[in-house]
């Protein structure tokens, strides 16, 4: 089972993603898709982009860095 990550936690996009152009890129979690205790994925704001992209939970790994809400809003 994949451990649930937190809002504003920095993640790196893994090679398992279908969005191959983002492999190895880093961004911050700005949304979490979860229902009935099932984690589906994350909305990630990739550093340097203005759009938010969605990734399956298995396609991201934490970097250990954490941002604050104020960094984004």
PDB file of N, CA and C in Angstrom:
ATOM      1  N   UNK A   1       0.832  -1.185   0.000  1.00  0.00           N
ATOM      2  CA  UNK A   1       0.000   0.000   0.000  1.00  0.00           C
ATOM      3  C   UNK A   1       0.878   1.251   0.000  1.00  0.00           C
ATOM      4  N   UNK A   2       0.473   2.241  -0.749  1.00  0.00           N
ATOM      5  CA  UNK A   2       1.218   3.487  -0.843  1.00  0.00           C
ATOM      6  C   UNK A   2       0.882   4.388   0.341  1.00  0.00           C
ATOM      7  N   UNK A   3       1.913   4.952   0.965  1.00  0.00           N
ATOM      8  CA  UNK A   3       1.700   5.864   2.087  1.00  0.00           C
ATOM      9  C   UNK A   3       1.158   7.192   1.576  1.00  0.00           C
ATOM     10  N   UNK A   4       0.141   7.714   2.256  1.00  0.00           N
ATOM     11  CA  UNK A   4      -0.462   8.976   1.851  1.00  0.00           C
ATOM     12  C   UNK A   4       0.502  10.127   2.149  1.00  0.00           C
ATOM     13  N   UNK A   5       0.696  10.962   1.159  1.00  0.00           N
ATOM     14  CA  UNK A   5       1.561  12.129   1.303  1.00  0.00           C
ATOM     15  C   UNK A   5       0.709  13.318   1.737  1.00  0.00           C
ATOM     16  N   UNK A   6       1.358  14.408   2.125  1.00  0.00           N
ATOM     17  CA  UNK A   6       0.668  15.585   2.654  1.00  0.00           C
ATOM     18  C   UNK A   6       0.619  16.723   1.633  1.00  0.00           C
ATOM     19  N   UNK A   7      -0.332  17.627   1.857  1.00  0.00           N
ATOM     20  CA  UNK A   7      -0.388  18.835   1.048  1.00  0.00           C
ATOM     21  C   UNK A   7       0.939  19.591   1.158  1.00  0.00           C
ATOM     22  N   UNK A   8       1.367  20.150   0.036  1.00  0.00           N
ATOM     23  CA  UNK A   8       2.559  21.000  -0.080  1.00  0.00           C
ATOM     24  C   UNK A   8       3.868  20.234   0.106  1.00  0.00           C
ATOM     25  N   UNK A   9       3.793  18.913   0.148  1.00  0.00           N
ATOM     26  CA  UNK A   9       4.993  18.095   0.192  1.00  0.00           C
ATOM     27  C   UNK A   9       5.573  18.031  -1.230  1.00  0.00           C
ATOM     28  N   UNK A  10       6.892  18.168  -1.339  1.00  0.00           N
ATOM     29  CA  UNK A  10       7.515  18.090  -2.654  1.00  0.00           C
ATOM     30  C   UNK A  10       7.656  16.622  -3.061  1.00  0.00           C
ATOM     31  N   UNK A  11       7.361  16.353  -4.335  1.00  0.00           N
ATOM     32  CA  UNK A  11       7.494  15.008  -4.872  1.00  0.00           C
ATOM     33  C   UNK A  11       8.283  15.045  -6.178  1.00  0.00           C
ATOM     34  N   UNK A  12       8.848  13.901  -6.519  1.00  0.00           N
ATOM     35  CA  UNK A  12       9.512  13.717  -7.813  1.00  0.00           C
ATOM     36  C   UNK A  12       8.658  12.747  -8.622  1.00  0.00           C
ATOM     37  N   UNK A  13       8.499  13.027  -9.893  1.00  0.00           N
ATOM     38  CA  UNK A  13       7.688  12.192 -10.762  1.00  0.00           C
ATOM     39  C   UNK A  13       8.518  10.989 -11.224  1.00  0.00           C
ATOM     40  N   UNK A  14       7.951   9.810 -11.082  1.00  0.00           N
ATOM     41  CA  UNK A  14       8.641   8.556 -11.391  1.00  0.00           C
ATOM     42  C   UNK A  14       8.403   8.104 -12.833  1.00  0.00           C
ATOM     43  N   UNK A  15       9.265   7.227 -13.347  1.00  0.00           N
ATOM     44  CA  UNK A  15       9.130   6.731 -14.732  1.00  0.00           C
ATOM     45  C   UNK A  15       7.855   5.929 -14.998  1.00  0.00           C
ATOM     46  N   UNK A  16       7.110   5.558 -13.964  1.00  0.00           N
ATOM     47  CA  UNK A  16       5.875   4.799 -14.146  1.00  0.00           C
ATOM     48  C   UNK A  16       4.722   5.654 -14.673  1.00  0.00           C
ATOM     49  N   UNK A  17       4.866   6.978 -14.645  1.00  0.00           N
ATOM     50  CA  UNK A  17       3.791   7.863 -15.086  1.00  0.00           C
ATOM     51  C   UNK A  17       3.523   7.737 -16.584  1.00  0.00           C
ATOM     52  N   UNK A  18       2.271   7.984 -16.961  1.00  0.00           N
ATOM     53  CA  UNK A  18       1.924   8.021 -18.383  1.00  0.00           C
ATOM     54  C   UNK A  18       2.315   9.370 -18.988  1.00  0.00           C
ATOM     55  N   UNK A  19       2.531  10.362 -18.136  1.00  0.00           N
ATOM     56  CA  UNK A  19       2.926  11.708 -18.596  1.00  0.00           C
ATOM     57  C   UNK A  19       4.451  11.772 -18.643  1.00  0.00           C
ATOM     58  N   UNK A  20       5.004  11.129 -19.649  1.00  0.00           N
ATOM     59  CA  UNK A  20       6.462  10.923 -19.744  1.00  0.00           C
ATOM     60  C   UNK A  20       7.277  12.217 -19.740  1.00  0.00           C
ATOM     61  N   UNK A  21       6.691  13.333 -20.191  1.00  0.00           N
ATOM     62  CA  UNK A  21       7.432  14.596 -20.225  1.00  0.00           C
ATOM     63  C   UNK A  21       7.772  15.117 -18.825  1.00  0.00           C
ATOM     64  N   UNK A  22       7.147  14.533 -17.789  1.00  0.00           N
ATOM     65  CA  UNK A  22       7.389  15.003 -16.422  1.00  0.00           C
ATOM     66  C   UNK A  22       8.295  14.091 -15.606  1.00  0.00           C
ATOM     67  N   UNK A  23       8.766  13.003 -16.187  1.00  0.00           N
ATOM     68  CA  UNK A  23       9.641  12.077 -15.455  1.00  0.00           C
ATOM     69  C   UNK A  23      10.859  12.830 -14.921  1.00  0.00           C
ATOM     70  N   UNK A  24      11.112  12.658 -13.630  1.00  0.00           N
ATOM     71  CA  UNK A  24      12.266  13.285 -12.986  1.00  0.00           C
ATOM     72  C   UNK A  24      12.032  14.708 -12.524  1.00  0.00           C
ATOM     73  N   UNK A  25      10.928  15.299 -12.922  1.00  0.00           N
ATOM     74  CA  UNK A  25      10.625  16.678 -12.499  1.00  0.00           C
ATOM     75  C   UNK A  25      10.080  16.654 -11.074  1.00  0.00           C
ATOM     76  N   UNK A  26      10.181  17.803 -10.418  1.00  0.00           N
ATOM     77  CA  UNK A  26       9.700  17.925  -9.044  1.00  0.00           C
ATOM     78  C   UNK A  26       8.605  18.970  -8.973  1.00  0.00           C
ATOM     79  N   UNK A  27       7.735  18.786  -8.008  1.00  0.00           N
ATOM     80  CA  UNK A  27       6.643  19.731  -7.793  1.00  0.00           C
ATOM     81  C   UNK A  27       6.044  19.509  -6.420  1.00  0.00           C
ATOM     82  N   UNK A  28       5.031  20.297  -6.093  1.00  0.00           N
ATOM     83  CA  UNK A  28       4.399  20.224  -4.780  1.00  0.00           C
ATOM     84  C   UNK A  28       2.959  19.737  -4.906  1.00  0.00           C
ATOM     85  N   UNK A  29       2.549  18.933  -3.950  1.00  0.00           N
ATOM     86  CA  UNK A  29       1.173  18.438  -3.910  1.00  0.00           C
ATOM     87  C   UNK A  29       0.233  19.570  -3.507  1.00  0.00           C
ATOM     88  N   UNK A  30      -0.731  19.857  -4.368  1.00  0.00           N
ATOM     89  CA  UNK A  30      -1.717  20.895  -4.070  1.00  0.00           C
ATOM     90  C   UNK A  30      -3.132  20.320  -4.043  1.00  0.00           C
ATOM     91  N   UNK A  31      -3.261  19.025  -4.260  1.00  0.00           N
ATOM     92  CA  UNK A  31      -4.562  18.371  -4.182  1.00  0.00           C
ATOM     93  C   UNK A  31      -4.383  16.881  -3.985  1.00  0.00           C
ATOM     94  N   UNK A  32      -5.357  16.268  -3.279  1.00  0.00           N
ATOM     95  CA  UNK A  32      -5.302  14.837  -3.009  1.00  0.00           C
ATOM     96  C   UNK A  32      -6.646  14.231  -3.394  1.00  0.00           C
ATOM     97  N   UNK A  33      -6.604  13.206  -4.243  1.00  0.00           N
ATOM     98  CA  UNK A  33      -7.817  12.516  -4.666  1.00  0.00           C
ATOM     99  C   UNK A  33      -7.970  11.256  -3.829  1.00  0.00           C
ATOM    100  N   UNK A  34      -8.987  11.280  -2.959  1.00  0.00           N
ATOM    101  CA  UNK A  34      -9.200  10.168  -2.045  1.00  0.00           C
ATOM    102  C   UNK A  34     -10.696  10.037  -1.784  1.00  0.00           C
ATOM    103  N   UNK A  35     -11.170   8.783  -1.748  1.00  0.00           N
ATOM    104  CA  UNK A  35     -12.578   8.545  -1.455  1.00  0.00           C
ATOM    105  C   UNK A  35     -12.726   7.230  -0.721  1.00  0.00           C
ATOM    106  N   UNK A  36     -13.502   7.240   0.347  1.00  0.00           N
ATOM    107  CA  UNK A  36     -13.738   6.039   1.154  1.00  0.00           C
ATOM    108  C   UNK A  36     -12.440   5.356   1.576  1.00  0.00           C
ATOM    109  N   UNK A  37     -11.450   6.150   1.914  1.00  0.00           N
ATOM    110  CA  UNK A  37     -10.180   5.615   2.380  1.00  0.00           C
ATOM    111  C   UNK A  37      -9.267   5.100   1.288  1.00  0.00           C
ATOM    112  N   UNK A  38      -9.678   5.250   0.029  1.00  0.00           N
ATOM    113  CA  UNK A  38      -8.846   4.804  -1.093  1.00  0.00           C
ATOM    114  C   UNK A  38      -8.150   6.013  -1.702  1.00  0.00           C
ATOM    115  N   UNK A  39      -6.833   5.968  -1.748  1.00  0.00           N
ATOM    116  CA  UNK A  39      -6.036   7.049  -2.318  1.00  0.00           C
ATOM    117  C   UNK A  39      -5.863   6.809  -3.810  1.00  0.00           C
ATOM    118  N   UNK A  40      -6.337   7.756  -4.619  1.00  0.00           N
ATOM    119  CA  UNK A  40      -6.255   7.604  -6.070  1.00  0.00           C
ATOM    120  C   UNK A  40      -5.064   8.329  -6.675  1.00  0.00           C
ATOM    121  N   UNK A  41      -4.760   9.520  -6.196  1.00  0.00           N
ATOM    122  CA  UNK A  41      -3.643  10.249  -6.773  1.00  0.00           C
ATOM    123  C   UNK A  41      -3.514  11.647  -6.219  1.00  0.00           C
ATOM    124  N   UNK A  42      -2.653  12.408  -6.874  1.00  0.00           N
ATOM    125  CA  UNK A  42      -2.314  13.748  -6.406  1.00  0.00           C
ATOM    126  C   UNK A  42      -2.347  14.766  -7.538  1.00  0.00           C
ATOM    127  N   UNK A  43      -2.767  15.965  -7.193  1.00  0.00           N
ATOM    128  CA  UNK A  43      -2.638  17.102  -8.093  1.00  0.00           C
ATOM    129  C   UNK A  43      -1.308  17.761  -7.728  1.00  0.00           C
ATOM    130  N   UNK A  44      -0.436  17.881  -8.710  1.00  0.00           N
ATOM    131  CA  UNK A  44       0.921  18.372  -8.455  1.00  0.00           C
ATOM    132  C   UNK A  44       1.186  19.610  -9.299  1.00  0.00           C
ATOM    133  N   UNK A  45       1.694  20.631  -8.644  1.00  0.00           N
ATOM    134  CA  UNK A  45       2.136  21.833  -9.345  1.00  0.00           C
ATOM    135  C   UNK A  45       3.636  21.675  -9.577  1.00  0.00           C
ATOM    136  N   UNK A  46       3.990  21.309 -10.805  1.00  0.00           N
ATOM    137  CA  UNK A  46       5.398  21.116 -11.170  1.00  0.00           C
ATOM    138  C   UNK A  46       6.100  22.477 -11.118  1.00  0.00           C
ATOM    139  N   UNK A  47       7.270  22.507 -10.514  1.00  0.00           N
ATOM    140  CA  UNK A  47       8.032  23.759 -10.407  1.00  0.00           C
ATOM    141  C   UNK A  47       8.218  24.372 -11.798  1.00  0.00           C
ATOM    142  N   UNK A  48       7.904  25.668 -11.927  1.00  0.00           N
ATOM    143  CA  UNK A  48       8.086  26.377 -13.184  1.00  0.00           C
ATOM    144  C   UNK A  48       6.878  26.332 -14.099  1.00  0.00           C
ATOM    145  N   UNK A  49       5.830  25.594 -13.723  1.00  0.00           N
ATOM    146  CA  UNK A  49       4.607  25.519 -14.529  1.00  0.00           C
ATOM    147  C   UNK A  49       3.481  26.279 -13.841  1.00  0.00           C
ATOM    148  N   UNK A  50       2.518  26.698 -14.630  1.00  0.00           N
ATOM    149  CA  UNK A  50       1.356  27.385 -14.069  1.00  0.00           C
ATOM    150  C   UNK A  50       0.156  26.458 -13.953  1.00  0.00           C
ATOM    151  N   UNK A  51       0.160  25.354 -14.718  1.00  0.00           N
ATOM    152  CA  UNK A  51      -0.945  24.406 -14.668  1.00  0.00           C
ATOM    153  C   UNK A  51      -0.655  23.296 -13.683  1.00  0.00           C
ATOM    154  N   UNK A  52      -1.725  22.726 -13.158  1.00  0.00           N
ATOM    155  CA  UNK A  52      -1.621  21.604 -12.235  1.00  0.00           C
ATOM    156  C   UNK A  52      -1.813  20.317 -13.034  1.00  0.00           C
ATOM    157  N   UNK A  53      -0.995  19.321 -12.747  1.00  0.00           N
ATOM    158  CA  UNK A  53      -1.084  18.029 -13.423  1.00  0.00           C
ATOM    159  C   UNK A  53      -1.409  16.958 -12.389  1.00  0.00           C
ATOM    160  N   UNK A  54      -2.139  15.929 -12.812  1.00  0.00           N
ATOM    161  CA  UNK A  54      -2.562  14.866 -11.906  1.00  0.00           C
ATOM    162  C   UNK A  54      -1.761  13.590 -12.155  1.00  0.00           C
ATOM    163  N   UNK A  55      -1.375  12.956 -11.052  1.00  0.00           N
ATOM    164  CA  UNK A  55      -0.568  11.744 -11.117  1.00  0.00           C
ATOM    165  C   UNK A  55      -1.133  10.686 -10.183  1.00  0.00           C
ATOM    166  N   UNK A  56      -1.031   9.413 -10.600  1.00  0.00           N
ATOM    167  CA  UNK A  56      -1.395   8.309  -9.717  1.00  0.00           C
ATOM    168  C   UNK A  56      -0.458   8.321  -8.518  1.00  0.00           C
ATOM    169  N   UNK A  57      -0.933   7.806  -7.408  1.00  0.00           N
ATOM    170  CA  UNK A  57      -0.126   7.774  -6.190  1.00  0.00           C
ATOM    171  C   UNK A  57       1.176   7.002  -6.396  1.00  0.00           C
ATOM    172  N   UNK A  58       1.159   5.972  -7.244  1.00  0.00           N
ATOM    173  CA  UNK A  58       2.363   5.163  -7.472  1.00  0.00           C
ATOM    174  C   UNK A  58       3.396   5.873  -8.336  1.00  0.00           C
ATOM    175  N   UNK A  59       3.023   7.008  -8.919  1.00  0.00           N
ATOM    176  CA  UNK A  59       3.900   7.709  -9.856  1.00  0.00           C
ATOM    177  C   UNK A  59       4.671   8.877  -9.244  1.00  0.00           C
ATOM    178  N   UNK A  60       4.573   9.031  -7.935  1.00  0.00           N
ATOM    179  CA  UNK A  60       5.311  10.112  -7.267  1.00  0.00           C
ATOM    180  C   UNK A  60       6.019   9.565  -6.030  1.00  0.00           C
ATOM    181  N   UNK A  61       7.151  10.189  -5.711  1.00  0.00           N
ATOM    182  CA  UNK A  61       7.847   9.825  -4.467  1.00  0.00           C
ATOM    183  C   UNK A  61       8.257  11.111  -3.760  1.00  0.00           C
ATOM    184  N   UNK A  62       8.191  11.122  -2.435  1.00  0.00           N
ATOM    185  CA  UNK A  62       8.546  12.330  -1.680  1.00  0.00           C
ATOM    186  C   UNK A  62      10.041  12.612  -1.739  1.00  0.00           C
ATOM    187  N   UNK A  63      10.387  13.908  -1.735  1.00  0.00           N
ATOM    188  CA  UNK A  63      11.798  14.301  -1.722  1.00  0.00           C
ATOM    189  C   UNK A  63      12.276  14.621  -0.310  1.00  0.00           C
ATOM    190  N   UNK A  64      11.324  14.777   0.619  1.00  0.00           N
ATOM    191  CA  UNK A  64      11.676  15.144   1.985  1.00  0.00           C
ATOM    192  C   UNK A  64      11.523  16.630   2.252  1.00  0.00           C
ATOM    193  N   UNK A  65      11.247  17.394   1.204  1.00  0.00           N
ATOM    194  CA  UNK A  65      11.070  18.842   1.354  1.00  0.00           C
ATOM    195  C   UNK A  65       9.585  19.148   1.508  1.00  0.00           C
ATOM    196  N   UNK A  66       9.285  20.147   2.305  1.00  0.00           N
ATOM    197  CA  UNK A  66       7.893  20.531   2.540  1.00  0.00           C
ATOM    198  C   UNK A  66       7.772  22.042   2.390  1.00  0.00           C
ATOM    199  N   UNK A  67       6.739  22.475   1.684  1.00  0.00           N
ATOM    200  CA  UNK A  67       6.468  23.901   1.515  1.00  0.00           C
ATOM    201  C   UNK A  67       5.329  24.309   2.440  1.00  0.00           C
ATOM    202  N   UNK A  68       5.060  25.593   2.493  1.00  0.00           N
ATOM    203  CA  UNK A  68       3.935  26.127   3.264  1.00  0.00           C
ATOM    204  C   UNK A  68       2.845  26.555   2.294  1.00  0.00           C
ATOM    205  N   UNK A  69       1.635  26.588   2.767  1.00  0.00           N
ATOM    206  CA  UNK A  69       0.501  27.031   1.954  1.00  0.00           C
ATOM    207  C   UNK A  69       0.772  28.416   1.352  1.00  0.00           C
ATOM    208  N   UNK A  70       1.374  29.283   2.131  1.00  0.00           N
ATOM    209  CA  UNK A  70       1.666  30.657   1.697  1.00  0.00           C
ATOM    210  C   UNK A  70       2.604  30.713   0.494  1.00  0.00           C
ATOM    211  N   UNK A  71       3.342  29.650   0.265  1.00  0.00           N
ATOM    212  CA  UNK A  71       4.244  29.607  -0.895  1.00  0.00           C
ATOM    213  C   UNK A  71       3.472  29.546  -2.207  1.00  0.00           C
ATOM    214  N   UNK A  72       2.193  29.172  -2.136  1.00  0.00           N
ATOM    215  CA  UNK A  72       1.405  28.977  -3.340  1.00  0.00           C
ATOM    216  C   UNK A  72       0.181  29.872  -3.447  1.00  0.00           C
ATOM    217  N   UNK A  73      -0.359  30.309  -2.320  1.00  0.00           N
ATOM    218  CA  UNK A  73      -1.594  31.106  -2.335  1.00  0.00           C
ATOM    219  C   UNK A  73      -1.415  32.423  -1.627  1.00  0.00           C
TER     220      UNK A  73
END
